Amino acid sequence: MERPNQFSQIEPNTQLPNADVLQSRNHGGHELFDAHEVIGAMISMLDHYQMYEQHVEDDELREMLQRQYSFVTTMYDTIVQSFQTGHDPMIPTQPYRMKQNNHVVYGMKSSEPKKPNQSVNELSDQGLSSYMLGQTKSLATLLTMTALEMTNPVLRRVVADSVPNFIEQSYEIFLYQNKHGYYQVPQLSEQDMGVMLQSYIPVRPLQ
């Protein structure tokens, strides 16, 4: 009995996936789960920023929140498009430009002990800026780990290029908090700092 040719069963009109479809499927399973986690975390950040804005009192913090919200919204669209298509997004990644200067206030001052809020009426700019900082720092870490697991070259680059933006946003929030005394930065004594700074020497002497 003649064995049927497996290829004869393909209908004449059957078409192979085009290049766009193949490119959009250029994802590993682990990568898909990581990408969903990243996109979900960005949605969570944007949703929370909307809630925070209702309670912010300081105009400077509100302007920062709105600026970061707008930037991350565009970043979200860029990541979603590259995730779904596997191609370069229509809006490429852009660098985030913070407005705070780089001045850091060092030293510790006594302050009121903290405790959990008993109602939303106790929300303050100190707490809200801390929540914002927690989310930007978490996303910076999450995107870094995710970029290391990406197989799709476009999505990997887009995610990796977004990491410095969340780092910059985190630093901007930290500087705001530090300026207002919400985030204090202790220092070692001058002697101890000197010992730490002189603990290493370069392999090649500095010119």
N, C-alpha and C. Protein backbone atom coordinates (compact mmCIF):
# COMPACT_ATOMS: atom_id res chain seq x y z
N MET A 1 0.84 -1.20 0.00
CA MET A 1 0.00 0.00 0.00
C MET A 1 0.87 1.24 0.00
N GLU A 2 0.55 2.16 -0.88
CA GLU A 2 1.38 3.37 -1.01
C GLU A 2 1.15 4.29 0.18
N ARG A 3 2.26 4.75 0.76
CA ARG A 3 2.19 5.64 1.92
C ARG A 3 1.85 7.05 1.44
N PRO A 4 0.83 7.69 2.04
CA PRO A 4 0.45 9.03 1.57
C PRO A 4 1.55 10.05 1.85
N ASN A 5 1.71 10.93 0.92
CA ASN A 5 2.69 12.01 1.07
C ASN A 5 2.12 13.05 2.03
N GLN A 6 2.88 13.30 3.12
CA GLN A 6 2.37 14.23 4.13
C GLN A 6 2.17 15.64 3.56
N PHE A 7 2.94 15.99 2.55
CA PHE A 7 2.83 17.33 2.00
C PHE A 7 1.63 17.47 1.07
N SER A 8 1.11 16.35 0.59
CA SER A 8 -0.03 16.41 -0.32
C SER A 8 -1.29 16.83 0.42
N GLN A 9 -1.25 16.78 1.76
CA GLN A 9 -2.44 17.13 2.52
C GLN A 9 -2.59 18.65 2.70
N ILE A 10 -1.57 19.42 2.37
CA ILE A 10 -1.64 20.86 2.50
C ILE A 10 -2.49 21.43 1.38
N GLU A 11 -3.47 22.20 1.73
CA GLU A 11 -4.33 22.82 0.73
C GLU A 11 -3.52 23.82 -0.10
N PRO A 12 -3.86 23.94 -1.40
CA PRO A 12 -3.12 24.86 -2.27
C PRO A 12 -3.16 26.31 -1.79
N ASN A 13 -4.23 26.70 -1.11
CA ASN A 13 -4.37 28.10 -0.70
C ASN A 13 -3.72 28.40 0.64
N THR A 14 -3.17 27.35 1.28
CA THR A 14 -2.54 27.57 2.58
C THR A 14 -1.35 28.50 2.42
N GLN A 15 -1.29 29.54 3.28
CA GLN A 15 -0.20 30.51 3.22
C GLN A 15 0.64 30.42 4.49
N LEU A 16 1.93 30.53 4.33
CA LEU A 16 2.82 30.58 5.48
C LEU A 16 2.70 31.95 6.14
N PRO A 17 2.95 32.03 7.44
CA PRO A 17 2.89 33.33 8.12
C PRO A 17 3.85 34.33 7.47
N ASN A 18 3.38 35.57 7.33
CA ASN A 18 4.27 36.58 6.75
C ASN A 18 5.31 37.02 7.77
N ALA A 19 6.21 37.88 7.32
CA ALA A 19 7.33 38.29 8.17
C ALA A 19 6.86 39.02 9.42
N ASP A 20 5.80 39.83 9.30
CA ASP A 20 5.30 40.57 10.46
C ASP A 20 4.78 39.62 11.54
N VAL A 21 4.05 38.59 11.12
CA VAL A 21 3.51 37.64 12.08
C VAL A 21 4.64 36.87 12.75
N LEU A 22 5.63 36.44 11.96
CA LEU A 22 6.76 35.72 12.52
C LEU A 22 7.53 36.58 13.51
N GLN A 23 7.69 37.87 13.18
CA GLN A 23 8.41 38.77 14.08
C GLN A 23 7.66 38.96 15.39
N SER A 24 6.32 39.07 15.32
CA SER A 24 5.53 39.27 16.52
C SER A 24 5.54 38.05 17.42
N ARG A 25 5.87 36.88 16.84
CA ARG A 25 5.93 35.65 17.62
C ARG A 25 7.35 35.35 18.11
N ASN A 26 8.25 36.27 17.90
CA ASN A 26 9.64 36.08 18.28
C ASN A 26 9.82 36.37 19.77
N HIS A 27 9.19 35.54 20.60
CA HIS A 27 9.26 35.68 22.05
C HIS A 27 9.38 34.31 22.69
N GLY A 28 10.21 34.21 23.71
CA GLY A 28 10.26 32.99 24.51
C GLY A 28 9.15 33.01 25.55
N GLY A 29 8.80 31.84 26.05
CA GLY A 29 7.73 31.75 27.04
C GLY A 29 8.03 32.54 28.30
N HIS A 30 9.25 32.40 28.82
CA HIS A 30 9.64 33.12 30.03
C HIS A 30 9.56 34.63 29.80
N GLU A 31 9.97 35.03 28.62
CA GLU A 31 9.94 36.45 28.26
C GLU A 31 8.52 37.00 28.26
N LEU A 32 7.58 36.22 27.78
CA LEU A 32 6.19 36.67 27.75
C LEU A 32 5.66 36.93 29.15
N PHE A 33 5.97 36.04 30.08
CA PHE A 33 5.52 36.23 31.45
C PHE A 33 6.16 37.48 32.06
N ASP A 34 7.47 37.66 31.81
CA ASP A 34 8.17 38.83 32.34
C ASP A 34 7.61 40.12 31.76
N ALA A 35 7.32 40.11 30.45
CA ALA A 35 6.78 41.30 29.81
C ALA A 35 5.41 41.65 30.39
N HIS A 36 4.59 40.64 30.64
CA HIS A 36 3.29 40.88 31.25
C HIS A 36 3.45 41.49 32.64
N GLU A 37 4.45 41.04 33.38
CA GLU A 37 4.68 41.58 34.71
C GLU A 37 5.12 43.04 34.63
N VAL A 38 6.00 43.36 33.69
CA VAL A 38 6.47 44.73 33.51
C VAL A 38 5.31 45.65 33.13
N ILE A 39 4.54 45.24 32.13
CA ILE A 39 3.44 46.07 31.66
C ILE A 39 2.39 46.25 32.76
N GLY A 40 2.12 45.17 33.49
CA GLY A 40 1.17 45.27 34.59
C GLY A 40 1.66 46.20 35.69
N ALA A 41 2.96 46.18 35.97
CA ALA A 41 3.52 47.06 36.99
C ALA A 41 3.46 48.52 36.56
N MET A 42 3.63 48.77 35.28
CA MET A 42 3.53 50.15 34.78
C MET A 42 2.09 50.65 34.88
N ILE A 43 1.14 49.78 34.56
CA ILE A 43 -0.27 50.15 34.71
C ILE A 43 -0.57 50.47 36.18
N SER A 44 -0.04 49.65 37.08
CA SER A 44 -0.25 49.88 38.51
C SER A 44 0.31 51.22 38.94
N MET A 45 1.51 51.55 38.45
CA MET A 45 2.10 52.84 38.79
C MET A 45 1.22 53.99 38.32
N LEU A 46 0.77 53.92 37.08
CA LEU A 46 -0.06 54.99 36.52
C LEU A 46 -1.39 55.11 37.28
N ASP A 47 -1.99 53.98 37.62
CA ASP A 47 -3.25 54.01 38.39
C ASP A 47 -3.03 54.65 39.76
N HIS A 48 -1.93 54.29 40.41
CA HIS A 48 -1.65 54.84 41.72
C HIS A 48 -1.35 56.34 41.66
N TYR A 49 -0.63 56.76 40.62
CA TYR A 49 -0.34 58.18 40.48
C TYR A 49 -1.64 58.99 40.36
N GLN A 50 -2.64 58.43 39.68
CA GLN A 50 -3.93 59.12 39.58
C GLN A 50 -4.56 59.28 40.96
N MET A 51 -4.45 58.25 41.79
CA MET A 51 -5.00 58.35 43.15
C MET A 51 -4.20 59.32 44.00
N TYR A 52 -2.88 59.30 43.86
CA TYR A 52 -2.04 60.19 44.67
C TYR A 52 -2.35 61.66 44.38
N GLU A 53 -2.59 61.97 43.11
CA GLU A 53 -2.76 63.36 42.71
C GLU A 53 -3.91 64.03 43.46
N GLN A 54 -4.92 63.27 43.81
CA GLN A 54 -6.07 63.84 44.51
C GLN A 54 -5.72 64.34 45.91
N HIS A 55 -4.60 63.84 46.46
CA HIS A 55 -4.26 64.16 47.84
C HIS A 55 -3.00 65.03 47.96
N VAL A 56 -2.29 65.26 46.86
CA VAL A 56 -1.07 66.07 46.91
C VAL A 56 -1.42 67.51 47.21
N GLU A 57 -0.65 68.13 48.10
CA GLU A 57 -0.88 69.52 48.46
C GLU A 57 0.18 70.45 47.86
N ASP A 58 1.42 69.98 47.77
CA ASP A 58 2.52 70.80 47.28
C ASP A 58 2.48 70.89 45.76
N ASP A 59 2.51 72.11 45.22
CA ASP A 59 2.46 72.30 43.77
C ASP A 59 3.66 71.69 43.07
N GLU A 60 4.82 71.77 43.69
CA GLU A 60 6.02 71.19 43.08
C GLU A 60 5.90 69.68 42.95
N LEU A 61 5.40 69.03 43.98
CA LEU A 61 5.22 67.58 43.93
C LEU A 61 4.15 67.20 42.91
N ARG A 62 3.08 67.98 42.85
CA ARG A 62 2.02 67.69 41.88
C ARG A 62 2.55 67.82 40.45
N GLU A 63 3.35 68.85 40.18
CA GLU A 63 3.91 69.03 38.84
C GLU A 63 4.84 67.87 38.49
N MET A 64 5.63 67.41 39.46
CA MET A 64 6.52 66.28 39.23
C MET A 64 5.72 65.02 38.94
N LEU A 65 4.68 64.79 39.73
CA LEU A 65 3.83 63.62 39.54
C LEU A 65 3.20 63.63 38.16
N GLN A 66 2.67 64.76 37.74
CA GLN A 66 2.02 64.85 36.43
C GLN A 66 3.03 64.65 35.30
N ARG A 67 4.22 65.20 35.47
CA ARG A 67 5.25 65.06 34.43
C ARG A 67 5.70 63.61 34.31
N GLN A 68 5.89 62.95 35.44
CA GLN A 68 6.29 61.54 35.41
C GLN A 68 5.16 60.67 34.86
N TYR A 69 3.93 61.00 35.21
CA TYR A 69 2.78 60.25 34.70
C TYR A 69 2.72 60.32 33.18
N SER A 70 2.87 61.51 32.64
CA SER A 70 2.82 61.69 31.19
C SER A 70 3.95 60.94 30.50
N PHE A 71 5.15 61.01 31.08
CA PHE A 71 6.30 60.33 30.47
C PHE A 71 6.12 58.82 30.49
N VAL A 72 5.68 58.27 31.63
CA VAL A 72 5.52 56.82 31.73
C VAL A 72 4.38 56.33 30.85
N THR A 73 3.36 57.15 30.63
CA THR A 73 2.28 56.77 29.72
C THR A 73 2.83 56.55 28.31
N THR A 74 3.68 57.47 27.86
CA THR A 74 4.30 57.30 26.54
C THR A 74 5.22 56.09 26.53
N MET A 75 5.96 55.88 27.60
CA MET A 75 6.84 54.72 27.70
C MET A 75 6.03 53.43 27.65
N TYR A 76 4.89 53.42 28.31
CA TYR A 76 4.00 52.26 28.29
C TYR A 76 3.57 51.94 26.86
N ASP A 77 3.14 52.95 26.11
CA ASP A 77 2.71 52.72 24.72
C ASP A 77 3.86 52.17 23.88
N THR A 78 5.06 52.67 24.10
CA THR A 78 6.23 52.21 23.35
C THR A 78 6.51 50.74 23.63
N ILE A 79 6.48 50.35 24.90
CA ILE A 79 6.76 48.97 25.26
C ILE A 79 5.67 48.04 24.75
N VAL A 80 4.41 48.44 24.87
CA VAL A 80 3.30 47.61 24.39
C VAL A 80 3.41 47.39 22.88
N GLN A 81 3.72 48.44 22.13
CA GLN A 81 3.81 48.29 20.68
C GLN A 81 4.96 47.37 20.28
N SER A 82 6.11 47.53 20.91
CA SER A 82 7.25 46.66 20.56
C SER A 82 7.00 45.23 21.02
N PHE A 83 6.24 45.06 22.11
CA PHE A 83 5.90 43.73 22.60
C PHE A 83 4.97 43.01 21.63
N GLN A 84 3.99 43.72 21.08
CA GLN A 84 2.99 43.10 20.22
C GLN A 84 3.48 42.88 18.79
N THR A 85 4.38 43.75 18.32
CA THR A 85 4.81 43.67 16.93
C THR A 85 6.20 43.08 16.74
N GLY A 86 7.07 43.24 17.72
CA GLY A 86 8.45 42.81 17.56
C GLY A 86 9.27 43.76 16.72
N HIS A 87 8.68 44.88 16.31
CA HIS A 87 9.38 45.88 15.49
C HIS A 87 9.67 47.12 16.31
N ASP A 88 10.52 47.98 15.75
CA ASP A 88 10.79 49.25 16.39
C ASP A 88 9.49 50.02 16.57
N PRO A 89 9.24 50.57 17.75
CA PRO A 89 7.99 51.31 17.99
C PRO A 89 7.97 52.63 17.24
N MET A 90 6.77 53.13 16.98
CA MET A 90 6.63 54.41 16.29
C MET A 90 7.21 55.55 17.12
N ILE A 91 7.05 55.48 18.44
CA ILE A 91 7.65 56.47 19.34
C ILE A 91 8.81 55.80 20.06
N PRO A 92 10.04 56.13 19.72
CA PRO A 92 11.19 55.49 20.37
C PRO A 92 11.34 55.93 21.82
N THR A 93 12.16 55.21 22.57
CA THR A 93 12.39 55.59 23.95
C THR A 93 13.10 56.94 24.00
N GLN A 94 12.71 57.75 24.96
CA GLN A 94 13.27 59.09 25.14
C GLN A 94 13.88 59.20 26.53
N PRO A 95 14.90 60.04 26.72
CA PRO A 95 15.46 60.22 28.06
C PRO A 95 14.58 61.11 28.93
N TYR A 96 14.41 60.72 30.18
CA TYR A 96 13.64 61.54 31.12
C TYR A 96 14.54 62.65 31.67
N ARG A 97 14.04 63.87 31.67
CA ARG A 97 14.80 65.02 32.16
C ARG A 97 14.16 65.51 33.46
N MET A 98 14.86 65.32 34.57
CA MET A 98 14.32 65.79 35.84
C MET A 98 14.59 67.29 35.99
N LYS A 99 13.86 67.91 36.92
CA LYS A 99 13.99 69.35 37.13
C LYS A 99 14.68 69.70 38.45
N GLN A 100 14.91 68.70 39.30
CA GLN A 100 15.61 68.96 40.55
C GLN A 100 17.10 69.16 40.29
N ASN A 101 17.76 69.98 41.11
CA ASN A 101 19.21 70.06 41.03
C ASN A 101 19.82 68.89 41.79
N ASN A 102 21.13 68.75 41.75
CA ASN A 102 21.79 67.59 42.35
C ASN A 102 22.27 67.84 43.78
N HIS A 103 21.79 68.90 44.40
CA HIS A 103 22.23 69.22 45.75
C HIS A 103 21.59 68.28 46.76
N VAL A 104 22.42 67.66 47.58
CA VAL A 104 21.94 66.74 48.63
C VAL A 104 22.28 67.33 49.99
N VAL A 105 21.31 67.34 50.88
CA VAL A 105 21.51 67.80 52.25
C VAL A 105 21.89 66.59 53.10
N TYR A 106 23.07 66.65 53.73
CA TYR A 106 23.53 65.54 54.56
C TYR A 106 23.29 65.84 56.04
N GLY A 107 23.17 64.78 56.81
CA GLY A 107 22.98 64.93 58.25
C GLY A 107 21.60 64.53 58.68
N MET A 108 21.48 64.25 59.99
CA MET A 108 20.22 63.79 60.55
C MET A 108 19.68 64.82 61.54
N LYS A 109 18.38 65.05 61.47
CA LYS A 109 17.69 65.90 62.42
C LYS A 109 16.54 65.11 63.03
N SER A 110 16.27 65.37 64.29
CA SER A 110 15.17 64.65 64.94
C SER A 110 13.84 65.03 64.30
N SER A 111 12.95 64.09 64.21
CA SER A 111 11.63 64.33 63.62
C SER A 111 10.60 63.49 64.36
N GLU A 112 9.34 63.76 64.06
CA GLU A 112 8.25 63.02 64.70
C GLU A 112 8.32 61.55 64.31
N PRO A 113 8.16 60.64 65.29
CA PRO A 113 8.11 59.21 64.94
C PRO A 113 6.96 58.93 63.99
N LYS A 114 7.15 57.94 63.12
CA LYS A 114 6.14 57.62 62.11
C LYS A 114 5.27 56.46 62.59
N LYS A 115 4.05 56.42 62.09
CA LYS A 115 3.14 55.31 62.33
C LYS A 115 2.17 55.22 61.16
N PRO A 116 1.52 54.08 60.96
CA PRO A 116 0.58 53.95 59.84
C PRO A 116 -0.56 54.96 59.95
N ASN A 117 -1.02 55.45 58.81
CA ASN A 117 -2.18 56.34 58.79
C ASN A 117 -3.42 55.60 59.25
N GLN A 118 -4.28 56.31 59.95
CA GLN A 118 -5.53 55.72 60.41
C GLN A 118 -6.68 55.98 59.44
N SER A 119 -6.48 56.93 58.50
CA SER A 119 -7.47 57.21 57.46
C SER A 119 -6.77 57.95 56.32
N VAL A 120 -7.45 58.04 55.18
CA VAL A 120 -6.88 58.74 54.03
C VAL A 120 -6.70 60.23 54.32
N ASN A 121 -7.39 60.73 55.32
CA ASN A 121 -7.26 62.14 55.68
C ASN A 121 -5.88 62.46 56.24
N GLU A 122 -5.14 61.42 56.64
CA GLU A 122 -3.80 61.61 57.18
C GLU A 122 -2.72 61.51 56.11
N LEU A 123 -3.10 61.29 54.86
CA LEU A 123 -2.12 61.24 53.79
C LEU A 123 -1.41 62.59 53.69
N SER A 124 -0.10 62.53 53.48
CA SER A 124 0.70 63.75 53.40
C SER A 124 1.62 63.69 52.20
N ASP A 125 2.21 64.83 51.84
CA ASP A 125 3.16 64.86 50.73
C ASP A 125 4.38 63.99 51.03
N GLN A 126 4.74 63.91 52.29
CA GLN A 126 5.86 63.04 52.66
C GLN A 126 5.55 61.59 52.33
N GLY A 127 4.37 61.13 52.73
CA GLY A 127 3.99 59.76 52.45
C GLY A 127 3.77 59.51 50.97
N LEU A 128 3.10 60.42 50.30
CA LEU A 128 2.81 60.24 48.88
C LEU A 128 4.09 60.20 48.05
N SER A 129 5.04 61.07 48.36
CA SER A 129 6.31 61.04 47.63
C SER A 129 7.07 59.75 47.91
N SER A 130 6.91 59.20 49.12
CA SER A 130 7.55 57.92 49.44
C SER A 130 6.93 56.79 48.63
N TYR A 131 5.61 56.82 48.46
CA TYR A 131 4.95 55.80 47.65
C TYR A 131 5.43 55.88 46.19
N MET A 132 5.55 57.11 45.70
CA MET A 132 6.04 57.31 44.33
C MET A 132 7.45 56.75 44.17
N LEU A 133 8.30 57.03 45.16
CA LEU A 133 9.68 56.55 45.10
C LEU A 133 9.73 55.03 45.12
N GLY A 134 8.89 54.42 45.94
CA GLY A 134 8.86 52.97 46.00
C GLY A 134 8.50 52.34 44.67
N GLN A 135 7.59 52.96 43.95
CA GLN A 135 7.16 52.38 42.67
C GLN A 135 8.19 52.59 41.57
N THR A 136 8.81 53.75 41.51
CA THR A 136 9.83 53.96 40.47
C THR A 136 11.05 53.09 40.72
N LYS A 137 11.43 52.91 41.98
CA LYS A 137 12.58 52.05 42.28
C LYS A 137 12.26 50.60 41.96
N SER A 138 11.05 50.17 42.26
CA SER A 138 10.65 48.79 41.96
C SER A 138 10.66 48.53 40.45
N LEU A 139 10.18 49.50 39.68
CA LEU A 139 10.17 49.34 38.22
C LEU A 139 11.57 49.35 37.65
N ALA A 140 12.46 50.16 38.20
CA ALA A 140 13.85 50.16 37.73
C ALA A 140 14.47 48.79 37.93
N THR A 141 14.21 48.18 39.07
CA THR A 141 14.73 46.84 39.36
C THR A 141 14.08 45.79 38.47
N LEU A 142 12.75 45.86 38.33
CA LEU A 142 12.02 44.87 37.55
C LEU A 142 12.42 44.90 36.08
N LEU A 143 12.53 46.09 35.50
CA LEU A 143 12.91 46.20 34.10
C LEU A 143 14.34 45.72 33.87
N THR A 144 15.22 45.95 34.83
CA THR A 144 16.60 45.47 34.70
C THR A 144 16.63 43.95 34.64
N MET A 145 15.93 43.30 35.56
CA MET A 145 15.91 41.83 35.57
C MET A 145 15.23 41.30 34.32
N THR A 146 14.18 41.97 33.87
CA THR A 146 13.45 41.51 32.69
C THR A 146 14.30 41.62 31.43
N ALA A 147 15.05 42.71 31.29
CA ALA A 147 15.89 42.89 30.10
C ALA A 147 16.93 41.78 29.97
N LEU A 148 17.36 41.23 31.10
CA LEU A 148 18.36 40.15 31.07
C LEU A 148 17.78 38.84 30.57
N GLU A 149 16.44 38.72 30.53
CA GLU A 149 15.78 37.48 30.14
C GLU A 149 15.11 37.57 28.77
N MET A 150 15.25 38.72 28.09
CA MET A 150 14.57 38.92 26.82
C MET A 150 15.26 38.18 25.67
N THR A 151 14.48 37.60 24.76
CA THR A 151 15.02 37.00 23.55
C THR A 151 14.75 37.87 22.33
N ASN A 152 13.62 38.58 22.31
CA ASN A 152 13.31 39.47 21.20
C ASN A 152 14.23 40.69 21.27
N PRO A 153 15.05 40.94 20.25
CA PRO A 153 16.05 42.01 20.34
C PRO A 153 15.45 43.40 20.47
N VAL A 154 14.31 43.64 19.82
CA VAL A 154 13.70 44.97 19.88
C VAL A 154 13.14 45.23 21.28
N LEU A 155 12.37 44.28 21.79
CA LEU A 155 11.78 44.45 23.11
C LEU A 155 12.86 44.54 24.18
N ARG A 156 13.91 43.74 24.04
CA ARG A 156 15.01 43.80 25.01
C ARG A 156 15.63 45.19 25.05
N ARG A 157 15.86 45.77 23.86
CA ARG A 157 16.48 47.10 23.82
C ARG A 157 15.55 48.16 24.40
N VAL A 158 14.25 48.08 24.06
CA VAL A 158 13.30 49.07 24.56
C VAL A 158 13.21 49.00 26.08
N VAL A 159 13.12 47.79 26.62
CA VAL A 159 13.04 47.63 28.08
C VAL A 159 14.33 48.11 28.74
N ALA A 160 15.47 47.72 28.18
CA ALA A 160 16.76 48.12 28.76
C ALA A 160 16.93 49.64 28.71
N ASP A 161 16.52 50.27 27.60
CA ASP A 161 16.65 51.72 27.48
C ASP A 161 15.72 52.47 28.44
N SER A 162 14.69 51.79 28.95
CA SER A 162 13.75 52.44 29.86
C SER A 162 14.24 52.43 31.30
N VAL A 163 15.21 51.56 31.61
CA VAL A 163 15.71 51.47 32.98
C VAL A 163 16.28 52.80 33.48
N PRO A 164 17.16 53.48 32.70
CA PRO A 164 17.70 54.76 33.20
C PRO A 164 16.63 55.80 33.48
N ASN A 165 15.50 55.73 32.79
CA ASN A 165 14.43 56.71 33.02
C ASN A 165 13.79 56.52 34.40
N PHE A 166 13.59 55.28 34.82
CA PHE A 166 13.04 55.06 36.15
C PHE A 166 14.08 55.37 37.23
N ILE A 167 15.35 55.16 36.91
CA ILE A 167 16.41 55.56 37.85
C ILE A 167 16.40 57.07 38.02
N GLU A 168 16.26 57.79 36.92
CA GLU A 168 16.24 59.25 36.97
C GLU A 168 15.01 59.76 37.72
N GLN A 169 13.87 59.15 37.49
CA GLN A 169 12.67 59.55 38.22
C GLN A 169 12.82 59.28 39.71
N SER A 170 13.42 58.15 40.06
CA SER A 170 13.65 57.83 41.47
C SER A 170 14.57 58.86 42.11
N TYR A 171 15.61 59.24 41.41
CA TYR A 171 16.55 60.22 41.95
C TYR A 171 15.87 61.58 42.11
N GLU A 172 15.01 61.92 41.17
CA GLU A 172 14.28 63.19 41.25
C GLU A 172 13.39 63.22 42.49
N ILE A 173 12.69 62.13 42.76
CA ILE A 173 11.83 62.07 43.93
C ILE A 173 12.66 62.10 45.21
N PHE A 174 13.79 61.37 45.20
CA PHE A 174 14.67 61.40 46.37
C PHE A 174 15.14 62.82 46.66
N LEU A 175 15.57 63.56 45.64
CA LEU A 175 16.06 64.92 45.85
C LEU A 175 14.96 65.82 46.40
N TYR A 176 13.74 65.64 45.91
CA TYR A 176 12.61 66.39 46.44
C TYR A 176 12.40 66.08 47.92
N GLN A 177 12.42 64.79 48.25
CA GLN A 177 12.22 64.39 49.64
C GLN A 177 13.35 64.90 50.53
N ASN A 178 14.57 64.78 50.04
CA ASN A 178 15.72 65.23 50.82
C ASN A 178 15.66 66.73 51.08
N LYS A 179 15.26 67.49 50.08
CA LYS A 179 15.17 68.95 50.22
C LYS A 179 14.16 69.34 51.29
N HIS A 180 13.10 68.56 51.43
CA HIS A 180 12.04 68.87 52.39
C HIS A 180 12.23 68.14 53.73
N GLY A 181 13.35 67.44 53.87
CA GLY A 181 13.63 66.75 55.13
C GLY A 181 12.91 65.44 55.31
N TYR A 182 12.28 64.93 54.23
CA TYR A 182 11.57 63.66 54.32
C TYR A 182 12.53 62.46 54.24
N TYR A 183 13.62 62.64 53.51
CA TYR A 183 14.60 61.56 53.28
C TYR A 183 15.95 62.10 53.73
N GLN A 184 16.35 61.75 54.96
CA GLN A 184 17.59 62.26 55.51
C GLN A 184 18.75 61.31 55.19
N VAL A 185 19.92 61.89 55.01
CA VAL A 185 21.09 61.12 54.59
C VAL A 185 22.21 61.27 55.62
N PRO A 186 22.43 60.25 56.45
CA PRO A 186 23.53 60.34 57.43
C PRO A 186 24.88 60.19 56.74
N GLN A 187 25.91 60.70 57.37
CA GLN A 187 27.28 60.56 56.87
C GLN A 187 28.17 59.99 57.95
N LEU A 188 29.25 59.33 57.52
CA LEU A 188 30.28 58.91 58.46
C LEU A 188 31.09 60.12 58.89
N SER A 189 31.84 59.96 59.96
CA SER A 189 32.74 61.03 60.37
C SER A 189 33.79 61.23 59.28
N GLU A 190 34.42 62.41 59.30
CA GLU A 190 35.43 62.70 58.27
C GLU A 190 36.56 61.68 58.30
N GLN A 191 36.96 61.26 59.52
CA GLN A 191 38.04 60.28 59.63
C GLN A 191 37.62 58.93 59.05
N ASP A 192 36.42 58.46 59.43
CA ASP A 192 35.95 57.17 58.92
C ASP A 192 35.74 57.22 57.41
N MET A 193 35.24 58.34 56.92
CA MET A 193 35.06 58.47 55.48
C MET A 193 36.41 58.41 54.76
N GLY A 194 37.41 59.07 55.33
CA GLY A 194 38.74 59.04 54.73
C GLY A 194 39.30 57.64 54.67
N VAL A 195 39.11 56.86 55.74
CA VAL A 195 39.59 55.48 55.75
C VAL A 195 38.91 54.67 54.65
N MET A 196 37.60 54.84 54.50
CA MET A 196 36.88 54.10 53.47
C MET A 196 37.33 54.50 52.08
N LEU A 197 37.51 55.81 51.85
CA LEU A 197 37.87 56.29 50.52
C LEU A 197 39.27 55.85 50.11
N GLN A 198 40.14 55.62 51.08
CA GLN A 198 41.53 55.24 50.77
C GLN A 198 41.75 53.74 50.88
N SER A 199 40.68 52.96 50.82
CA SER A 199 40.79 51.51 50.99
C SER A 199 41.30 50.80 49.74
N TYR A 200 41.34 51.49 48.62
CA TYR A 200 41.73 50.84 47.36
C TYR A 200 42.72 51.73 46.61
N ILE A 201 43.51 51.09 45.75
CA ILE A 201 44.39 51.82 44.85
C ILE A 201 44.17 51.29 43.44
N PRO A 202 44.31 52.12 42.41
CA PRO A 202 44.10 51.65 41.04
C PRO A 202 45.20 50.72 40.58
N VAL A 203 44.89 49.84 39.64
CA VAL A 203 45.88 48.95 39.05
C VAL A 203 46.90 49.78 38.26
N ARG A 204 46.38 50.74 37.52
CA ARG A 204 47.23 51.66 36.76
C ARG A 204 47.17 53.02 37.43
N PRO A 205 48.29 53.58 37.84
CA PRO A 205 48.28 54.88 38.52
C PRO A 205 47.58 55.94 37.68
N LEU A 206 46.78 56.78 38.35
CA LEU A 206 46.08 57.84 37.66
C LEU A 206 47.06 58.86 37.14
N GLN A 207 46.83 59.34 35.93
CA GLN A 207 47.72 60.33 35.32
C GLN A 207 47.43 61.72 35.85
